[in-house]
Amino acid sequence: MQEFINVFQDRRGQLLETLWEHLQISLLSLVIAIIIAVPLGLILTRYPRVAEPIIGISAVMQTIPSLAVLAFLIPFLGIGKVPAIIALTAYGLLPILRNSYTGIVGVDPALKEAAIGMGMNSFKRLSKVELPIAMPVIMAGIRTSMVLIVGTTTIAALIGAGGLGELILLGIDRGADINLILLGAIPAALLAIILDLILRGFERISKRAGFKSFVAMLLIAVLVVTAPFIFNSSQRADIIIGGKLGSEPAILANMYKLLIEEDTDLNVELETGLGKTSFVFSALDKGSIDIYPEFTGTAIVTLMEEEAESNDAKEVYEQAKIGMDERYDMALLQPMAFNNTYAVATTEELADQYNLETIGDLQAVEDEVTAGFTLEFNDRYDGYVGMQDVYGLDISNIRTMEPGIRQDALANGEVDIIDAYATDSYMVELNLVTLEDPENLFPPYQGAPLLRNETMKEYPELKDILNQLGGKITDEQMREMNYEVDYIDRSPREVAEEFLQDEGLL
């Protein structure tokens, strides 16, 4: 408990900022869903033949995972709050639409007949009779939608939209740090409860003051909270530096920022923690970010969809550099010295027990061990797919998981082997053994700045500035910096600044 209190005190400012972002995104998504779904539901009551098909379509939209919707929107809208709000709005439509339709249809036919007998037209019958009676049902749909949206907003952090998901994802990335996860999860749950109570209060008021008064109060409340977001006229920074989820991308992105600000007057912003390679690269391609640290092996295998023609680091870099320029009109600048290649790791005890020295040695125990691989590694040729082809492996029990929890799964005995990166900090913390790769399946993975050529043309000074890191940062230095962030809880900026100062670059 004391540890959680310490984390809360240390990150109180970040908590308030992410909570405010979470509230903004959630409420704006909810009000857009209400504006779309309530009128549509009311219209459908007049056209019952098309009602169920349209409601069915909205039901199908909700079955699509919100993460998949975000991934689909990034190539068109980039990263940030806009695609997040669109995805959340789509996710919240069904409960409001269905309840709006059901609430009106469920009004006693005798009351409708009486309204018609009094000479009311369709609009007056709706506003004076049907809506007031249906309001409890409609409000139930709005409250359900609100809870869904608040809970789902946590994934918005994956595309740089902010919110409490930043703390949750950071906790997962830091080896399932329960304190960081709770610091994001508890406020999200409390926010859903508080908003539900507020909406319940609006429902009671609407029964006394009428539907128009309810709508007015709801819009005023939402505008008060979202006005800073809606009317924010701040200009885009000159350079936006992105980064995947993890301490290493965050450290490198901070180095880029510090170096650029040291030698230029450019306004630089960071958008780190953006999730997987596909998310970050799509953001770069779309123009939502301008630079991010990528790896030579990832550029070839994942982005160019080729195989490395060599295992020599220089030749791999040249292949990646030429390929990214020709295929995507992007520049891959000089790589750093460290090679964060894939590795297959296990504990010393298991390696001694089964006499494991190389990846091929796993073939003798493939039915006895449990592997914990990331989804990305499990599906890549320079990963488990290649291990099957090159080493003839067919491990019977594989569990796929997020990168941040695989080391805990190994330490707790839930899995026996994991995929790892050579510069991961837990390799030192857990004293893990890496199995040799005699067939050189895993190509070199040297980190290097990746940016669009149009950015290079607009800011040609970036090349010399960022190339100052070329050939610097050894495996040991990168591993130590990751350790400082992951286990000593130093900020990526502080660690990056200290390294650059020690190297005489600042």
Protein backbone atom coordinates (compact mmCIF):
# COMPACT_ATOMS: atom_id res chain seq x y z
CA MET A 1 0.00 0.00 0.00
CA GLN A 2 2.80 2.39 0.88
CA GLU A 3 4.45 1.73 -2.46
CA PHE A 4 1.22 2.65 -4.26
CA ILE A 5 0.98 5.86 -2.23
CA ASN A 6 4.57 6.73 -3.20
CA VAL A 7 3.81 6.13 -6.89
CA PHE A 8 0.69 8.29 -6.57
CA GLN A 9 2.65 11.14 -5.01
CA ASP A 10 5.44 10.92 -7.60
CA ARG A 11 3.03 10.87 -10.54
CA ARG A 12 0.24 13.08 -9.22
CA GLY A 13 0.74 15.65 -11.98
CA GLN A 14 0.71 13.00 -14.69
CA LEU A 15 -2.40 11.42 -13.15
CA LEU A 16 -4.34 14.69 -13.22
CA GLU A 17 -3.29 15.39 -16.79
CA THR A 18 -4.24 11.94 -18.08
CA LEU A 19 -7.50 11.96 -16.09
CA TRP A 20 -8.49 15.25 -17.71
CA GLU A 21 -7.65 13.89 -21.18
CA HIS A 22 -9.63 10.73 -20.42
CA LEU A 23 -12.67 12.79 -19.38
CA GLN A 24 -12.47 15.01 -22.45
CA ILE A 25 -12.22 12.13 -24.92
CA SER A 26 -14.93 10.09 -23.20
CA LEU A 27 -17.48 12.90 -22.92
CA LEU A 28 -16.94 14.18 -26.43
CA SER A 29 -17.32 10.65 -27.84
CA LEU A 30 -20.48 10.16 -25.76
CA VAL A 31 -22.15 13.39 -26.86
CA ILE A 32 -21.38 12.64 -30.53
CA ALA A 33 -22.85 9.16 -30.09
CA ILE A 34 -25.98 10.69 -28.52
CA ILE A 35 -26.34 13.25 -31.33
CA ILE A 36 -26.16 10.44 -33.91
CA ALA A 37 -27.99 7.58 -32.20
CA VAL A 38 -30.97 9.27 -30.51
CA PRO A 39 -32.33 11.04 -33.62
CA LEU A 40 -31.64 7.95 -35.73
CA GLY A 41 -33.48 5.76 -33.22
CA LEU A 42 -36.47 8.12 -33.25
CA ILE A 43 -36.55 8.15 -37.05
CA LEU A 44 -36.45 4.37 -37.19
CA THR A 45 -39.63 4.16 -35.08
CA ARG A 46 -41.44 5.68 -38.08
CA TYR A 47 -39.85 3.15 -40.45
CA PRO A 48 -39.94 -0.18 -38.61
CA ARG A 49 -39.08 -2.26 -41.70
CA VAL A 50 -35.55 -0.87 -41.87
CA ALA A 51 -35.07 -0.56 -38.10
CA GLU A 52 -33.72 -4.01 -37.33
CA PRO A 53 -31.24 -4.11 -40.25
CA ILE A 54 -29.79 -0.74 -39.25
CA ILE A 55 -29.62 -1.69 -35.57
CA GLY A 56 -28.01 -4.95 -36.67
CA ILE A 57 -25.32 -3.02 -38.55
CA SER A 58 -24.54 -0.99 -35.42
CA ALA A 59 -24.34 -4.27 -33.48
CA VAL A 60 -21.79 -5.59 -35.98
CA MET A 61 -19.75 -2.40 -35.54
CA GLN A 62 -19.57 -3.03 -31.80
CA THR A 63 -18.30 -6.58 -32.29
CA ILE A 64 -15.25 -5.24 -34.14
CA PRO A 65 -12.46 -4.83 -31.57
CA SER A 66 -11.83 -1.16 -30.87
CA LEU A 67 -8.11 -1.74 -31.37
CA ALA A 68 -8.80 -3.00 -34.89
CA VAL A 69 -10.87 0.12 -35.62
CA LEU A 70 -7.97 2.30 -34.48
CA ALA A 71 -5.53 0.38 -36.66
CA PHE A 72 -7.87 0.83 -39.63
CA LEU A 73 -8.22 4.59 -39.08
CA ILE A 74 -4.52 5.42 -38.64
CA PRO A 75 -3.62 5.29 -42.38
CA PHE A 76 -6.44 7.76 -43.10
CA LEU A 77 -6.48 10.03 -40.05
CA GLY A 78 -3.09 9.49 -38.45
CA ILE A 79 -2.74 9.32 -34.68
CA GLY A 80 -4.15 11.46 -31.89
CA LYS A 81 -7.57 12.27 -30.50
CA VAL A 82 -9.57 12.37 -33.74
CA PRO A 83 -9.30 8.65 -34.68
CA ALA A 84 -9.75 7.72 -31.02
CA ILE A 85 -12.98 9.72 -30.76
CA ILE A 86 -14.32 8.24 -34.01
CA ALA A 87 -13.60 4.69 -32.81
CA LEU A 88 -15.14 5.33 -29.38
CA THR A 89 -18.21 6.96 -30.89
CA ALA A 90 -18.79 3.94 -33.11
CA TYR A 91 -18.33 1.70 -30.08
CA GLY A 92 -20.95 3.61 -28.08
CA LEU A 93 -23.70 3.83 -30.71
CA LEU A 94 -25.49 0.50 -30.22
CA PRO A 95 -26.84 0.85 -26.64
CA ILE A 96 -28.18 4.36 -27.32
CA LEU A 97 -29.65 3.48 -30.72
CA ARG A 98 -31.32 0.28 -29.54
CA ASN A 99 -32.75 1.84 -26.37
CA SER A 100 -33.98 4.94 -28.22
CA TYR A 101 -35.86 2.75 -30.66
CA THR A 102 -37.11 0.30 -28.03
CA GLY A 103 -38.17 3.08 -25.64
CA ILE A 104 -40.42 4.77 -28.21
CA VAL A 105 -41.82 1.51 -29.62
CA GLY A 106 -42.61 0.38 -26.09
CA VAL A 107 -44.93 3.32 -25.32
CA ASP A 108 -48.49 2.14 -24.65
CA PRO A 109 -50.45 2.26 -27.96
CA ALA A 110 -53.47 3.62 -26.07
CA LEU A 111 -51.50 6.73 -25.14
CA LYS A 112 -50.45 7.19 -28.76
CA GLU A 113 -54.07 6.89 -29.88
CA ALA A 114 -55.14 9.42 -27.28
CA ALA A 115 -52.50 11.88 -28.53
CA ILE A 116 -53.70 11.44 -32.09
CA GLY A 117 -57.28 11.95 -30.91
CA MET A 118 -56.24 15.25 -29.35
CA GLY A 119 -55.03 16.41 -32.76
CA MET A 120 -51.28 16.13 -32.14
CA ASN A 121 -49.10 15.78 -35.20
CA SER A 122 -46.19 13.33 -35.31
CA PHE A 123 -43.64 15.77 -33.87
CA LYS A 124 -45.85 16.92 -30.99
CA ARG A 125 -46.80 13.34 -30.21
CA LEU A 126 -43.11 12.47 -30.05
CA SER A 127 -42.05 15.45 -27.92
CA LYS A 128 -45.07 15.64 -25.59
CA VAL A 129 -45.97 11.98 -25.09
CA GLU A 130 -43.50 9.41 -26.39
CA LEU A 131 -40.16 10.96 -25.40
CA PRO A 132 -41.05 11.75 -21.78
CA ILE A 133 -42.29 8.19 -21.28
CA ALA A 134 -39.34 6.63 -23.09
CA MET A 135 -36.70 8.76 -21.32
CA PRO A 136 -35.80 6.16 -18.63
CA VAL A 137 -35.12 3.56 -21.32
CA ILE A 138 -33.12 6.02 -23.44
CA MET A 139 -31.11 7.14 -20.41
CA ALA A 140 -30.33 3.51 -19.58
CA GLY A 141 -28.80 3.17 -23.05
CA ILE A 142 -26.82 6.39 -22.64
CA ARG A 143 -25.47 5.26 -19.27
CA THR A 144 -24.48 1.87 -20.68
CA SER A 145 -22.75 3.55 -23.60
CA MET A 146 -20.93 5.90 -21.25
CA VAL A 147 -19.49 3.02 -19.21
CA LEU A 148 -18.35 1.24 -22.39
CA ILE A 149 -16.70 4.40 -23.71
CA VAL A 150 -14.91 5.29 -20.46
CA GLY A 151 -13.52 1.76 -20.20
CA THR A 152 -12.48 1.55 -23.84
CA THR A 153 -10.84 5.00 -23.84
CA THR A 154 -7.83 3.43 -22.11
CA ILE A 155 -6.61 2.08 -25.47
CA ALA A 156 -6.53 5.61 -26.91
CA ALA A 157 -3.06 5.95 -25.39
CA LEU A 158 -1.78 3.49 -28.00
CA ILE A 159 -2.22 6.11 -30.73
CA GLY A 160 -1.06 9.16 -28.81
CA ALA A 161 -4.52 10.36 -27.74
CA GLY A 162 -3.62 10.40 -24.05
CA GLY A 163 -5.84 9.33 -21.20
CA LEU A 164 -5.42 7.01 -18.24
CA GLY A 165 -4.34 4.25 -20.61
CA GLU A 166 -0.87 5.86 -20.61
CA LEU A 167 -0.37 4.81 -17.00
CA ILE A 168 -1.83 1.35 -17.56
CA LEU A 169 0.33 0.67 -20.64
CA LEU A 170 3.38 2.02 -18.84
CA GLY A 171 2.69 -0.39 -15.98
CA ILE A 172 2.36 -3.33 -18.37
CA ASP A 173 5.57 -2.33 -20.14
CA ARG A 174 7.43 -2.09 -16.82
CA GLY A 175 6.95 -5.79 -16.17
CA ALA A 176 3.29 -5.60 -15.08
CA ASP A 177 3.95 -2.96 -12.40
CA ILE A 178 0.75 -3.34 -10.40
CA ASN A 179 1.04 0.12 -8.83
CA LEU A 180 1.17 1.92 -12.18
CA ILE A 181 -1.63 -0.24 -13.56
CA LEU A 182 -3.84 0.53 -10.55
CA LEU A 183 -2.95 4.21 -10.77
CA GLY A 184 -4.60 4.23 -14.19
CA ALA A 185 -7.33 1.63 -13.63
CA ILE A 186 -8.80 2.89 -10.36
CA PRO A 187 -9.45 6.47 -11.58
CA ALA A 188 -10.98 5.05 -14.79
CA ALA A 189 -13.40 2.95 -12.75
CA LEU A 190 -14.22 5.86 -10.43
CA LEU A 191 -14.75 8.14 -13.41
CA ALA A 192 -17.30 5.70 -14.87
CA ILE A 193 -19.15 5.52 -11.54
CA ILE A 194 -19.21 9.30 -11.07
CA LEU A 195 -20.43 9.95 -14.61
CA ASP A 196 -23.12 7.31 -14.17
CA LEU A 197 -24.35 9.09 -11.02
CA ILE A 198 -24.36 12.43 -12.85
CA LEU A 199 -26.38 10.99 -15.73
CA ARG A 200 -28.78 9.44 -13.24
CA GLY A 201 -29.24 12.90 -11.74
CA PHE A 202 -29.92 14.34 -15.20
CA GLU A 203 -32.53 11.63 -15.71
CA ARG A 204 -34.39 12.65 -12.55
CA ILE A 205 -34.26 16.33 -13.53
CA SER A 206 -35.58 15.55 -17.00
CA LYS A 207 -38.66 13.91 -15.51
CA ARG A 208 -39.53 17.19 -13.77
CA ALA A 209 -38.23 19.81 -16.20
CA GLY A 210 -38.86 18.07 -19.50
CA PHE A 211 -36.70 16.68 -22.28
CA LYS A 212 -35.53 20.06 -23.60
CA SER A 213 -34.20 21.08 -20.20
CA PHE A 214 -32.34 17.76 -19.94
CA VAL A 215 -30.70 18.24 -23.35
CA ALA A 216 -29.70 21.80 -22.48
CA MET A 217 -28.09 20.77 -19.19
CA LEU A 218 -26.28 17.84 -20.81
CA LEU A 219 -24.82 19.98 -23.59
CA ILE A 220 -23.74 22.71 -21.18
CA ALA A 221 -21.98 20.16 -18.95
CA VAL A 222 -20.19 18.55 -21.89
CA LEU A 223 -19.12 21.90 -23.40
CA VAL A 224 -17.73 23.09 -20.08
CA VAL A 225 -15.45 20.04 -19.91
CA THR A 226 -14.52 19.78 -23.59
CA ALA A 227 -14.26 23.48 -24.52
CA PRO A 228 -10.47 23.62 -23.93
CA PHE A 229 -10.07 20.63 -26.25
CA ILE A 230 -12.53 21.80 -28.93
CA PHE A 231 -11.22 25.34 -29.12
CA ASN A 232 -7.56 24.57 -28.63
CA SER A 233 -5.85 26.59 -31.34
CA SER A 234 -2.27 25.65 -30.53
CA GLN A 235 -0.18 25.15 -33.64
CA ARG A 236 1.46 21.88 -34.56
CA ALA A 237 5.06 21.62 -33.44
CA ASP A 238 7.76 21.94 -36.11
CA ILE A 239 8.92 18.38 -35.41
CA ILE A 240 6.97 15.58 -33.72
CA ILE A 241 9.08 12.62 -32.61
CA GLY A 242 7.27 9.34 -32.11
CA GLY A 243 8.24 6.07 -30.53
CA LYS A 244 7.01 2.57 -29.91
CA LEU A 245 5.96 1.38 -26.48
CA GLY A 246 8.90 0.79 -24.16
CA SER A 247 11.73 2.47 -22.31
CA GLU A 248 14.26 2.18 -25.16
CA PRO A 249 12.19 4.04 -27.80
CA ALA A 250 11.36 6.69 -25.17
CA ILE A 251 15.04 7.21 -24.31
CA LEU A 252 16.08 7.49 -27.97
CA ALA A 253 13.20 9.85 -28.80
CA ASN A 254 14.27 12.10 -25.93
CA MET A 255 17.84 12.06 -27.25
CA TYR A 256 16.60 13.18 -30.67
CA LYS A 257 14.56 15.96 -29.06
CA LEU A 258 17.42 17.20 -26.90
CA LEU A 259 19.88 17.22 -29.80
CA ILE A 260 17.50 19.07 -32.13
CA GLU A 261 16.66 21.67 -29.50
CA GLU A 262 20.35 22.10 -28.68
CA ASP A 263 21.32 23.01 -32.26
CA THR A 264 18.15 24.65 -33.62
CA ASP A 265 15.22 26.85 -32.62
CA LEU A 266 12.68 24.26 -33.79
CA ASN A 267 9.69 23.46 -31.58
CA VAL A 268 9.85 19.72 -30.86
CA GLU A 269 7.17 17.50 -29.29
CA LEU A 270 7.25 13.85 -28.23
CA GLU A 271 4.58 11.23 -28.96
CA THR A 272 6.06 8.08 -27.46
CA GLY A 273 4.36 4.88 -26.29
CA LEU A 274 2.48 4.44 -29.58
CA GLY A 275 2.38 0.66 -29.47
CA LYS A 276 3.49 -1.71 -32.20
CA THR A 277 5.59 -1.11 -35.30
CA SER A 278 2.54 -0.95 -37.58
CA PHE A 279 0.95 1.86 -35.54
CA VAL A 280 4.07 4.01 -35.40
CA PHE A 281 5.04 3.50 -39.04
CA SER A 282 1.51 4.33 -40.20
CA ALA A 283 1.69 7.53 -38.14
CA LEU A 284 4.99 8.45 -39.83
CA ASP A 285 3.69 7.61 -43.29
CA LYS A 286 0.54 9.66 -42.69
CA GLY A 287 2.51 12.64 -41.35
CA SER A 288 1.19 12.55 -37.78
CA ILE A 289 4.79 12.23 -36.60
CA ASP A 290 8.01 13.21 -38.34
CA ILE A 291 10.72 10.95 -36.86
CA TYR A 292 10.92 7.80 -34.82
CA PRO A 293 13.69 5.31 -33.95
CA GLU A 294 13.43 2.14 -36.03
CA PHE A 295 15.65 -0.92 -36.36
CA THR A 296 17.41 -2.02 -39.50
CA GLY A 297 16.15 -5.60 -39.25
CA THR A 298 12.56 -4.45 -38.66
CA ALA A 299 12.75 -2.14 -41.68
CA ILE A 300 13.75 -5.06 -43.92
CA VAL A 301 11.60 -7.87 -42.55
CA THR A 302 8.45 -6.05 -41.41
CA LEU A 303 8.24 -2.86 -43.45
CA MET A 304 9.89 -3.94 -46.69
CA GLU A 305 8.71 -7.56 -46.33
CA GLU A 306 12.04 -8.93 -47.47
CA GLU A 307 14.73 -11.15 -46.00
CA ALA A 308 18.08 -9.75 -44.93
CA GLU A 309 20.60 -10.47 -47.67
CA SER A 310 23.44 -10.60 -45.17
CA ASN A 311 24.19 -10.85 -41.48
CA ASP A 312 26.78 -8.11 -41.69
CA ALA A 313 25.48 -5.04 -39.87
CA LYS A 314 26.73 -2.56 -42.51
CA GLU A 315 25.24 -4.50 -45.40
CA VAL A 316 21.93 -4.88 -43.57
CA TYR A 317 21.83 -1.13 -42.96
CA GLU A 318 22.52 -0.39 -46.63
CA GLN A 319 19.75 -2.76 -47.69
CA ALA A 320 17.32 -1.13 -45.26
CA LYS A 321 18.39 2.40 -46.21
CA ILE A 322 18.00 1.84 -49.96
CA GLY A 323 14.75 -0.10 -49.57
CA MET A 324 13.06 2.48 -47.35
CA ASP A 325 14.08 5.27 -49.73
CA GLU A 326 12.85 3.51 -52.86
CA ARG A 327 9.66 2.01 -51.45
CA TYR A 328 8.47 4.66 -48.99
CA ASP A 329 10.47 7.80 -49.85
CA MET A 330 11.93 7.74 -46.36
CA ALA A 331 15.42 8.31 -45.01
CA LEU A 332 17.04 5.91 -42.54
CA LEU A 333 19.95 7.82 -41.01
CA GLN A 334 23.16 6.46 -39.51
CA PRO A 335 22.56 3.59 -37.07
CA MET A 336 23.79 3.48 -33.51
CA ALA A 337 26.26 0.84 -32.38
CA PHE A 338 23.98 -1.36 -30.27
CA ASN A 339 22.36 -4.39 -31.86
CA ASN A 340 18.98 -5.02 -30.25
CA THR A 341 18.41 -8.24 -32.10
CA TYR A 342 15.98 -10.97 -31.14
CA ALA A 343 17.13 -13.67 -28.76
CA VAL A 344 15.59 -16.76 -27.21
CA ALA A 345 16.13 -16.64 -23.46
CA THR A 346 15.61 -18.95 -20.53
CA THR A 347 16.72 -19.33 -16.94
CA GLU A 348 20.11 -20.78 -15.98
CA GLU A 349 18.34 -23.63 -14.19
CA LEU A 350 16.38 -24.75 -17.24
CA ALA A 351 19.40 -24.39 -19.53
CA ASP A 352 21.43 -26.64 -17.20
CA GLN A 353 18.56 -29.10 -16.76
CA TYR A 354 18.10 -29.73 -20.49
CA ASN A 355 21.65 -28.85 -21.59
CA LEU A 356 20.39 -26.02 -23.79
CA GLU A 357 23.05 -24.01 -25.61
CA THR A 358 21.59 -23.28 -29.05
CA ILE A 359 18.08 -22.70 -30.40
CA GLY A 360 18.30 -26.05 -32.18
CA ASP A 361 18.68 -27.80 -28.80
CA LEU A 362 15.04 -26.99 -28.10
CA GLN A 363 13.99 -29.63 -30.62
CA ALA A 364 14.72 -32.36 -28.08
CA VAL A 365 12.38 -30.80 -25.50
CA GLU A 366 9.79 -29.09 -27.71
CA ASP A 367 6.96 -31.17 -26.16
CA GLU A 368 8.08 -30.46 -22.60
CA VAL A 369 8.67 -26.71 -22.52
CA THR A 370 6.18 -23.84 -22.64
CA ALA A 371 7.13 -20.82 -24.72
CA GLY A 372 6.04 -17.26 -24.00
CA PHE A 373 6.28 -15.25 -27.21
CA THR A 374 4.96 -11.84 -28.18
CA LEU A 375 2.32 -11.82 -30.91
CA GLU A 376 4.76 -10.05 -33.21
CA PHE A 377 7.60 -12.55 -32.67
CA ASN A 378 5.25 -15.51 -33.02
CA ASP A 379 4.12 -14.31 -36.46
CA ARG A 380 7.42 -13.14 -37.99
CA TYR A 381 9.91 -15.02 -40.12
CA ASP A 382 12.73 -13.49 -38.11
CA GLY A 383 10.93 -15.00 -35.13
CA TYR A 384 9.18 -18.27 -34.39
CA VAL A 385 8.12 -18.84 -38.02
CA GLY A 386 11.79 -18.80 -39.00
CA MET A 387 12.70 -20.99 -36.02
CA GLN A 388 10.29 -23.61 -37.38
CA ASP A 389 11.79 -23.40 -40.85
CA VAL A 390 15.47 -23.10 -40.00
CA TYR A 391 15.69 -25.20 -36.84
CA GLY A 392 12.76 -27.57 -37.45
CA LEU A 393 11.02 -26.63 -34.21
CA ASP A 394 7.39 -27.39 -33.41
CA ILE A 395 6.86 -26.30 -29.82
CA SER A 396 3.57 -27.81 -28.66
CA ASN A 397 2.68 -25.21 -26.03
CA ILE A 398 3.03 -21.52 -26.95
CA ARG A 399 1.46 -18.66 -25.03
CA THR A 400 1.35 -15.28 -26.74
CA MET A 401 1.54 -12.20 -24.52
CA GLU A 402 2.47 -8.54 -24.32
CA PRO A 403 6.23 -7.81 -24.25
CA GLY A 404 6.05 -6.23 -20.79
CA ILE A 405 4.83 -9.35 -18.99
CA ARG A 406 6.85 -12.15 -20.58
CA GLN A 407 9.78 -11.73 -18.17
CA ASP A 408 7.42 -12.05 -15.18
CA ALA A 409 5.88 -15.15 -16.73
CA LEU A 410 9.37 -16.65 -17.04
CA ALA A 411 10.42 -15.63 -13.52
CA ASN A 412 7.18 -17.10 -12.08
CA GLY A 413 7.63 -20.40 -13.89
CA GLU A 414 4.53 -19.98 -16.07
CA VAL A 415 6.67 -20.31 -19.21
CA ASP A 416 10.11 -21.84 -19.79
CA ILE A 417 11.48 -19.84 -22.71
CA ILE A 418 10.73 -16.38 -24.07
CA ASP A 419 11.69 -14.17 -26.95
CA ALA A 420 13.79 -11.24 -25.81
CA TYR A 421 15.78 -8.32 -27.10
CA ALA A 422 19.51 -8.14 -26.54
CA THR A 423 19.31 -4.79 -24.74
CA ASP A 424 16.31 -5.54 -22.52
CA SER A 425 17.01 -4.55 -18.93
CA TYR A 426 15.47 -7.67 -17.39
CA MET A 427 18.17 -9.81 -19.04
CA VAL A 428 20.48 -8.47 -16.34
CA GLU A 429 17.89 -8.28 -13.56
CA LEU A 430 16.87 -11.94 -13.97
CA ASN A 431 20.31 -13.24 -15.04
CA LEU A 432 18.86 -14.96 -18.10
CA VAL A 433 20.70 -17.18 -20.56
CA THR A 434 20.36 -16.57 -24.30
CA LEU A 435 20.49 -19.51 -26.68
CA GLU A 436 22.97 -19.19 -29.52
CA ASP A 437 21.74 -18.70 -33.09
CA PRO A 438 24.34 -20.60 -35.15
CA GLU A 439 22.26 -20.35 -38.35
CA ASN A 440 22.08 -16.53 -38.01
CA LEU A 441 18.30 -16.50 -38.27
CA PHE A 442 18.00 -13.16 -36.52
CA PRO A 443 19.41 -10.30 -38.62
CA PRO A 444 21.15 -7.29 -37.04
CA TYR A 445 18.77 -4.82 -35.41
CA GLN A 446 20.59 -1.52 -35.10
CA GLY A 447 18.54 1.49 -34.06
CA ALA A 448 18.46 4.47 -36.43
CA PRO A 449 16.29 7.57 -36.97
CA LEU A 450 13.62 7.06 -39.63
CA LEU A 451 11.95 10.09 -41.24
CA ARG A 452 10.25 11.10 -44.46
CA ASN A 453 12.43 12.62 -47.19
CA GLU A 454 10.12 15.64 -47.32
CA THR A 455 11.00 16.32 -43.67
CA MET A 456 14.69 16.11 -44.57
CA LYS A 457 14.17 18.62 -47.39
CA GLU A 458 12.29 21.02 -45.11
CA TYR A 459 14.82 20.72 -42.28
CA PRO A 460 18.12 19.60 -43.87
CA GLU A 461 20.00 20.31 -40.63
CA LEU A 462 18.36 17.26 -39.03
CA LYS A 463 20.68 14.86 -40.86
CA ASP A 464 23.90 16.11 -39.26
CA ILE A 465 22.22 16.61 -35.88
CA LEU A 466 20.81 13.09 -35.61
CA ASN A 467 23.84 11.45 -37.20
CA GLN A 468 25.81 12.54 -34.14
CA LEU A 469 24.47 9.38 -32.54
CA GLY A 470 25.76 7.22 -35.40
CA GLY A 471 28.11 4.53 -34.10
CA LYS A 472 27.43 5.48 -30.47
CA ILE A 473 25.58 3.63 -27.66
CA THR A 474 26.87 0.12 -27.12
CA ASP A 475 24.71 -2.87 -26.14
CA GLU A 476 25.86 -2.50 -22.54
CA GLN A 477 25.12 1.24 -22.43
CA MET A 478 21.64 0.79 -23.89
CA ARG A 479 20.87 -2.07 -21.52
CA GLU A 480 22.00 0.03 -18.56
CA MET A 481 19.90 3.01 -19.63
CA ASN A 482 16.85 0.76 -20.01
CA TYR A 483 17.55 -0.60 -16.54
CA GLU A 484 17.65 2.93 -15.10
CA VAL A 485 14.19 3.65 -16.49
CA ASP A 486 12.55 0.25 -15.91
CA TYR A 487 13.85 -0.63 -12.46
CA ILE A 488 15.14 2.58 -10.86
CA ASP A 489 12.19 4.58 -12.27
CA ARG A 490 14.24 7.44 -13.68
CA SER A 491 12.59 9.44 -16.45
CA PRO A 492 13.64 8.70 -20.06
CA ARG A 493 14.53 12.37 -20.53
CA GLU A 494 16.82 12.41 -17.49
CA VAL A 495 18.63 9.26 -18.62
CA ALA A 496 18.93 10.53 -22.22
CA GLU A 497 20.26 13.92 -21.10
CA GLU A 498 22.85 12.34 -18.83
CA PHE A 499 24.19 10.13 -21.64
CA LEU A 500 24.40 13.01 -24.12
CA GLN A 501 26.24 15.15 -21.59
CA ASP A 502 28.70 12.35 -20.84
CA GLU A 503 29.34 12.01 -24.59
CA GLY A 504 29.89 15.75 -24.95
CA LEU A 505 26.89 16.16 -27.26
CA LEU A 506 25.12 18.67 -25.02
